[in-house]
């Protein structure tokens, strides 16, 4: 389903949601950490979704096992590096990896700025080794509150030139955009792009707020935008792309039937759509899986899939020259 003659990109991929069970198990053994499983086989159903979870917060609990074993900055470096190996194995030409410094640091009370440095170094080393271009997106984990998010932001700003964009993820319903106005003003002042998880666990107003109050250039998931035709028209007109992650949307119970995923509606409204994996290790998927689901289950045509591939280049947080270099693969 993926046309490998075109650029292959994944723009919505959580580095800290892509820690494989075998890595979790290995780090737990290395650091003598207890897990609620006595073998790798027993760990897998705890750390990977089996079918569907009850809601977004239930899904996010699956990610906790991965960060629970990040006992030092070397472990953070390891998972960042392994993310680049996975990107190469998925035949990606370009990947944007997002991560939350506090989420990765808090179990073992690691200094957040050191976590950021380890992730930056791990991704850079992996990019050189595996030959995949990458950029990093910092996440503010809204679930932990505005004060913690400000600490996360300051840790990310210590490596300002190594971070490309800022995201807001976590409990969308409980922690609305209004709590984070100052955070995203500072991010925009730093010259960062903005992508926001919105319309996943809350309604279309959450998407409006992400755009109008936080300055979103892209929307993660955005499923609820289909409830508001004016919003979809606005997004199309202002070239605000949607990062669609179909399997994740089903697993988080954002949609109850994957056949009814809103991607076709977005495309019909002229919205630029890009396909992404979200948390591939937790969901036990790769990008090829998402293209196959889009085609065989949701009904996206091969021509539309190629449009989505090129839409990923258009939506990427890259300079125009970098986008042109990436697009030259298609020539």
Protein backbone atom coordinates (compact mmCIF):
# COMPACT_ATOMS: atom_id res chain seq x y z
CA UNK A 1 0.00 0.00 0.00
CA UNK A 2 2.92 2.34 0.68
CA UNK A 3 4.50 3.50 -2.56
CA UNK A 4 8.19 3.31 -1.70
CA UNK A 5 9.03 5.32 -4.81
CA UNK A 6 7.52 8.29 -2.93
CA UNK A 7 8.83 9.77 0.33
CA UNK A 8 7.79 7.72 3.38
CA UNK A 9 7.24 9.81 6.51
CA UNK A 10 5.75 9.33 9.97
CA UNK A 11 4.92 12.64 11.66
CA UNK A 12 3.00 11.46 14.73
CA UNK A 13 5.16 8.92 16.53
CA UNK A 14 5.73 8.94 20.30
CA UNK A 15 9.28 7.99 21.15
CA UNK A 16 8.21 7.13 24.71
CA UNK A 17 5.26 5.12 23.35
CA UNK A 18 7.55 3.05 21.19
CA UNK A 19 9.51 1.11 23.81
CA UNK A 20 9.28 -2.57 22.90
CA UNK A 21 8.38 -5.16 25.54
CA UNK A 22 11.73 -6.88 25.06
CA UNK A 23 13.49 -3.58 25.85
CA UNK A 24 11.26 -3.03 28.90
CA UNK A 25 12.12 -6.52 30.11
CA UNK A 26 15.85 -6.08 29.44
CA UNK A 27 16.04 -2.71 31.24
CA UNK A 28 14.08 -4.10 34.19
CA UNK A 29 16.58 -6.95 34.51
CA UNK A 30 19.56 -4.62 34.12
CA UNK A 31 18.35 -2.24 36.83
CA UNK A 32 16.80 -4.88 39.12
CA UNK A 33 13.32 -3.40 38.77
CA UNK A 34 10.17 -5.31 39.55
CA UNK A 35 7.48 -5.70 36.89
CA UNK A 36 4.02 -7.25 37.37
CA UNK A 37 5.12 -10.15 35.15
CA UNK A 38 7.57 -13.00 35.63
CA UNK A 39 8.59 -13.29 31.97
CA UNK A 40 8.70 -11.38 28.72
CA UNK A 41 5.75 -13.40 27.45
CA UNK A 42 3.68 -12.39 30.48
CA UNK A 43 4.68 -8.74 30.05
CA UNK A 44 3.56 -8.43 26.44
CA UNK A 45 -0.24 -8.33 27.08
CA UNK A 46 0.34 -5.75 29.82
CA UNK A 47 2.48 -3.42 27.70
CA UNK A 48 0.71 -3.91 24.35
CA UNK A 49 -2.94 -3.34 23.51
CA UNK A 50 -4.88 -6.53 22.93
CA UNK A 51 -7.85 -5.43 20.81
CA UNK A 52 -9.29 -2.25 22.29
CA UNK A 53 -9.00 -0.31 25.55
CA UNK A 54 -11.92 1.43 27.25
CA UNK A 55 -10.76 5.00 26.60
CA UNK A 56 -7.73 7.22 26.02
CA UNK A 57 -6.59 7.19 29.65
CA UNK A 58 -6.77 3.39 29.77
CA UNK A 59 -4.66 3.26 26.62
CA UNK A 60 -2.10 5.65 28.09
CA UNK A 61 -1.60 3.35 31.07
CA UNK A 62 -0.06 0.84 28.66
CA UNK A 63 2.73 3.34 28.00
CA UNK A 64 3.60 3.51 31.70
CA UNK A 65 5.47 0.20 31.63
CA UNK A 66 8.00 1.58 29.15
CA UNK A 67 8.87 4.73 31.08
CA UNK A 68 8.90 2.84 34.39
CA UNK A 69 12.23 1.21 33.47
CA UNK A 70 14.03 4.40 32.40
CA UNK A 71 16.25 4.26 35.46
CA UNK A 72 19.02 6.49 34.11
CA UNK A 73 19.83 8.72 31.16
CA UNK A 74 21.59 5.84 29.39
CA UNK A 75 18.24 4.04 29.26
CA UNK A 76 16.68 7.16 27.71
CA UNK A 77 19.49 7.27 25.15
CA UNK A 78 18.94 3.59 24.37
CA UNK A 79 15.24 3.91 23.60
CA UNK A 80 15.84 7.03 21.50
CA UNK A 81 18.46 5.16 19.48
CA UNK A 82 16.18 2.12 19.12
CA UNK A 83 13.44 4.39 17.79
CA UNK A 84 15.72 5.31 14.92
CA UNK A 85 16.46 1.64 14.27
CA UNK A 86 12.71 1.04 14.09
CA UNK A 87 12.32 3.97 11.68
CA UNK A 88 14.93 2.43 9.39
CA UNK A 89 13.30 -1.01 9.59
CA UNK A 90 9.99 0.63 8.59
CA UNK A 91 11.81 2.13 5.54
CA UNK A 92 11.04 5.68 6.62
CA UNK A 93 12.79 8.52 4.83
CA UNK A 94 11.85 11.03 7.53
CA UNK A 95 10.42 10.74 11.03
CA UNK A 96 9.30 13.22 13.66
CA UNK A 97 9.66 11.73 17.13
CA UNK A 98 7.84 13.34 20.03
CA UNK A 99 8.50 12.81 23.71
CA UNK A 100 7.59 14.14 27.14
CA UNK A 101 10.62 14.90 29.35
CA UNK A 102 8.62 14.69 32.57
CA UNK A 103 6.89 11.46 31.61
CA UNK A 104 10.26 9.87 30.85
CA UNK A 105 11.93 11.32 33.95
CA UNK A 106 9.40 11.12 36.75
CA UNK A 107 9.49 7.44 37.80
CA UNK A 108 13.18 7.61 38.74
CA UNK A 109 13.35 11.37 39.35
CA UNK A 110 15.82 12.04 36.54
CA UNK A 111 16.76 15.66 35.70
CA UNK A 112 14.49 16.60 32.81
CA UNK A 113 17.14 18.60 30.96
CA UNK A 114 19.42 15.54 31.09
CA UNK A 115 16.63 13.39 29.67
CA UNK A 116 16.22 15.85 26.79
CA UNK A 117 19.97 15.76 26.14
CA UNK A 118 20.00 11.94 26.13
CA UNK A 119 17.08 11.79 23.69
CA UNK A 120 18.70 14.37 21.41
CA UNK A 121 21.98 12.44 21.40
CA UNK A 122 20.29 9.06 20.93
CA UNK A 123 18.24 10.23 17.97
CA UNK A 124 21.20 11.98 16.36
CA UNK A 125 23.38 8.88 16.72
CA UNK A 126 20.60 6.69 15.33
CA UNK A 127 19.99 9.04 12.43
CA UNK A 128 23.66 8.84 11.45
CA UNK A 129 23.83 5.07 11.92
CA UNK A 130 20.61 4.15 10.15
CA UNK A 131 20.42 6.93 7.55
CA UNK A 132 16.96 8.27 8.42
CA UNK A 133 16.35 12.01 8.72
CA UNK A 134 14.65 12.94 12.01
CA UNK A 135 13.37 15.89 13.99
CA UNK A 136 12.23 16.05 17.60
CA UNK A 137 8.97 17.39 19.00
CA UNK A 138 8.72 18.15 22.70
CA UNK A 139 5.54 17.17 24.50
CA UNK A 140 3.94 18.89 27.45
CA UNK A 141 2.05 16.20 29.38
CA UNK A 142 -1.08 18.11 30.31
CA UNK A 143 -2.20 15.27 32.63
CA UNK A 144 0.40 16.39 35.20
CA UNK A 145 -0.85 19.99 35.28
CA UNK A 146 0.29 23.40 34.04
CA UNK A 147 3.14 23.83 36.55
CA UNK A 148 4.83 20.56 35.60
CA UNK A 149 4.32 21.43 31.94
CA UNK A 150 6.15 24.72 32.49
CA UNK A 151 9.06 22.75 33.97
CA UNK A 152 8.99 20.48 30.92
CA UNK A 153 9.03 23.49 28.64
CA UNK A 154 12.04 24.99 30.39
CA UNK A 155 13.92 21.66 30.10
CA UNK A 156 13.14 21.56 26.38
CA UNK A 157 14.22 25.17 25.94
CA UNK A 158 17.67 24.30 27.30
CA UNK A 159 18.07 22.48 23.97
CA UNK A 160 16.00 24.93 21.95
CA UNK A 161 17.90 24.51 18.67
CA UNK A 162 17.56 20.70 18.80
CA UNK A 163 13.76 20.76 19.14
CA UNK A 164 11.57 21.53 16.15
CA UNK A 165 8.08 21.84 17.63
CA UNK A 166 5.94 21.62 20.75
CA UNK A 167 2.96 19.37 21.39
CA UNK A 168 0.33 19.06 24.11
CA UNK A 169 -0.77 15.51 24.94
CA UNK A 170 -2.50 13.54 27.68
CA UNK A 171 -5.84 14.19 29.36
CA UNK A 172 -7.41 16.52 26.80
CA UNK A 173 -10.78 16.61 28.51
CA UNK A 174 -9.47 17.41 31.99
CA UNK A 175 -6.78 19.93 31.02
CA UNK A 176 -8.02 22.29 28.27
CA UNK A 177 -5.95 24.63 26.11
CA UNK A 178 -6.67 27.68 28.27
CA UNK A 179 -4.27 26.38 30.94
CA UNK A 180 -1.33 26.47 28.54
CA UNK A 181 -1.48 29.86 26.82
CA UNK A 182 1.83 31.09 28.23
CA UNK A 183 3.60 27.82 27.49
CA UNK A 184 2.77 27.98 23.80
CA UNK A 185 3.49 31.69 23.55
CA UNK A 186 7.02 30.90 24.72
CA UNK A 187 7.23 28.04 22.23
CA UNK A 188 6.16 30.25 19.34
CA UNK A 189 8.60 32.95 20.48
CA UNK A 190 11.33 30.29 20.36
CA UNK A 191 10.50 29.74 16.69
CA UNK A 192 9.00 26.29 17.17
CA UNK A 193 6.16 24.82 15.15
CA UNK A 194 3.05 23.75 17.07
CA UNK A 195 1.11 20.48 16.89
CA UNK A 196 -1.64 19.69 19.40
CA UNK A 197 -3.51 16.53 20.36
CA UNK A 198 -7.11 17.71 19.97
CA UNK A 199 -10.49 16.30 19.03
CA UNK A 200 -9.44 12.90 20.36
CA UNK A 201 -11.07 12.85 23.81
CA UNK A 202 -12.98 16.15 23.53
CA UNK A 203 -15.19 17.87 20.95
CA UNK A 204 -14.57 20.25 18.04
CA UNK A 205 -14.17 23.27 20.33
CA UNK A 206 -10.97 21.68 21.59
CA UNK A 207 -9.65 21.76 18.03
CA UNK A 208 -10.68 25.38 17.60
CA UNK A 209 -8.87 26.22 20.86
CA UNK A 210 -5.73 24.40 19.73
CA UNK A 211 -5.68 26.51 16.57
CA UNK A 212 -6.86 29.88 17.82
CA UNK A 213 -5.40 29.91 21.35
CA UNK A 214 -2.25 27.80 21.03
CA UNK A 215 -1.35 28.44 17.38
CA UNK A 216 -1.46 24.86 16.08
CA UNK A 217 0.04 24.29 12.63
CA UNK A 218 -1.14 20.65 12.76
CA UNK A 219 -3.70 18.69 14.75
CA UNK A 220 -3.04 15.26 16.19
CA UNK A 221 -6.01 12.95 15.55
CA UNK A 222 -8.67 15.69 15.23
CA UNK A 223 -11.47 13.12 14.98
CA UNK A 224 -14.10 15.42 16.49
CA UNK A 225 -13.47 18.07 13.81
CA UNK A 226 -15.89 16.16 11.57
CA UNK A 227 -18.71 17.39 13.81
CA UNK A 228 -18.08 20.96 12.64
CA UNK A 229 -18.04 21.60 8.86
CA UNK A 230 -16.93 25.22 9.41
CA UNK A 231 -13.93 23.96 11.34
CA UNK A 232 -13.00 21.55 8.57
CA UNK A 233 -13.35 24.31 5.99
CA UNK A 234 -11.13 26.55 8.13
CA UNK A 235 -8.49 23.85 8.46
CA UNK A 236 -8.48 23.24 4.71
CA UNK A 237 -8.29 26.95 3.92
CA UNK A 238 -5.46 27.62 6.38
CA UNK A 239 -3.56 24.41 5.55
CA UNK A 240 -3.79 22.96 9.05
CA UNK A 241 -2.97 19.30 8.55
CA UNK A 242 -4.40 16.32 10.43
CA UNK A 243 -2.13 13.58 11.74
CA UNK A 244 -4.36 10.51 11.40
CA UNK A 245 -3.60 7.36 13.41
CA UNK A 246 -6.46 4.91 12.65
CA UNK A 247 -5.43 1.92 14.75
CA UNK A 248 -4.69 4.11 17.75
CA UNK A 249 -8.06 5.86 17.36
CA UNK A 250 -9.78 2.49 17.53
CA UNK A 251 -7.67 1.21 20.41
CA UNK A 252 -8.33 4.33 22.50
CA UNK A 253 -12.07 3.98 21.75
CA UNK A 254 -12.02 7.43 20.11
CA UNK A 255 -13.90 5.63 17.33
CA UNK A 256 -15.91 2.46 17.91
CA UNK A 257 -15.68 1.16 14.33
CA UNK A 258 -12.47 1.60 12.37
CA UNK A 259 -14.45 1.36 9.12
CA UNK A 260 -16.01 4.72 10.06
CA UNK A 261 -12.70 6.52 10.56
CA UNK A 262 -13.02 10.19 9.50
CA UNK A 263 -10.09 10.22 7.07
CA UNK A 264 -12.35 10.12 3.99
CA UNK A 265 -14.33 13.07 5.37
CA UNK A 266 -11.15 15.07 5.92
CA UNK A 267 -10.02 14.35 2.38
CA UNK A 268 -13.42 15.30 0.94
CA UNK A 269 -13.14 18.68 2.70
CA UNK A 270 -9.70 19.30 1.21
CA UNK A 271 -7.82 18.89 4.49
CA UNK A 272 -4.23 17.74 4.19
CA UNK A 273 -4.00 14.35 5.90
CA UNK A 274 -0.93 12.39 6.88
CA UNK A 275 -0.90 8.80 8.16
CA UNK A 276 1.04 7.95 11.29
CA UNK A 277 1.56 5.21 13.87
CA UNK A 278 1.21 7.12 17.19
CA UNK A 279 2.62 4.51 19.63
CA UNK A 280 3.75 1.62 17.41
CA UNK A 281 5.20 -0.62 20.13
CA UNK A 282 2.15 -0.24 22.37
CA UNK A 283 -0.22 -0.75 19.45
CA UNK A 284 1.98 -3.51 17.97
CA UNK A 285 1.84 -2.01 14.47
CA UNK A 286 4.05 -0.38 11.85
CA UNK A 287 3.33 2.26 9.21
CA UNK A 288 2.69 -0.37 6.54
CA UNK A 289 -0.15 -1.64 8.74
CA UNK A 290 -1.76 1.80 8.86
CA UNK A 291 -1.66 2.14 5.06
CA UNK A 292 -3.15 -1.32 4.70
CA UNK A 293 -5.94 -0.50 7.16
CA UNK A 294 -6.59 2.79 5.38
CA UNK A 295 -6.93 1.02 2.05
CA UNK A 296 -8.58 -2.30 2.90
CA UNK A 297 -10.77 -1.30 5.86
CA UNK A 298 -11.44 2.44 5.59
CA UNK A 299 -11.63 2.47 1.79
CA UNK A 300 -8.94 5.00 0.90
CA UNK A 301 -7.93 4.50 -2.74
CA UNK A 302 -4.34 3.93 -3.81
CA UNK A 303 -4.34 7.35 -5.48
CA UNK A 304 -5.51 8.93 -2.22
CA UNK A 305 -2.85 7.02 -0.29
CA UNK A 306 -0.20 8.52 -2.54
CA UNK A 307 -1.78 11.92 -1.96
CA UNK A 308 -1.47 11.25 1.79
CA UNK A 309 2.19 10.26 1.38
CA UNK A 310 2.96 13.53 -0.38
CA UNK A 311 0.78 15.32 2.18
CA UNK A 312 3.21 14.11 4.81
CA UNK A 313 6.01 15.97 3.07
CA UNK A 314 3.84 19.07 2.86
CA UNK A 315 2.96 18.90 6.57
CA UNK A 316 6.48 18.08 7.78
CA UNK A 317 8.19 20.54 10.09
CA UNK A 318 10.96 21.16 7.58
CA UNK A 319 12.22 24.11 5.56
CA UNK A 320 11.06 24.39 1.98
CA UNK A 321 14.52 23.37 0.82
CA UNK A 322 14.43 20.26 3.03
CA UNK A 323 10.95 19.37 1.75
CA UNK A 324 12.19 19.72 -1.82
CA UNK A 325 15.11 17.43 -1.05
CA UNK A 326 12.73 14.86 0.43
CA UNK A 327 10.29 15.17 -2.48
CA UNK A 328 13.08 14.56 -5.00
CA UNK A 329 12.75 10.88 -4.16
CA UNK A 330 9.59 10.95 -6.29
CA UNK A 331 11.36 12.31 -9.37
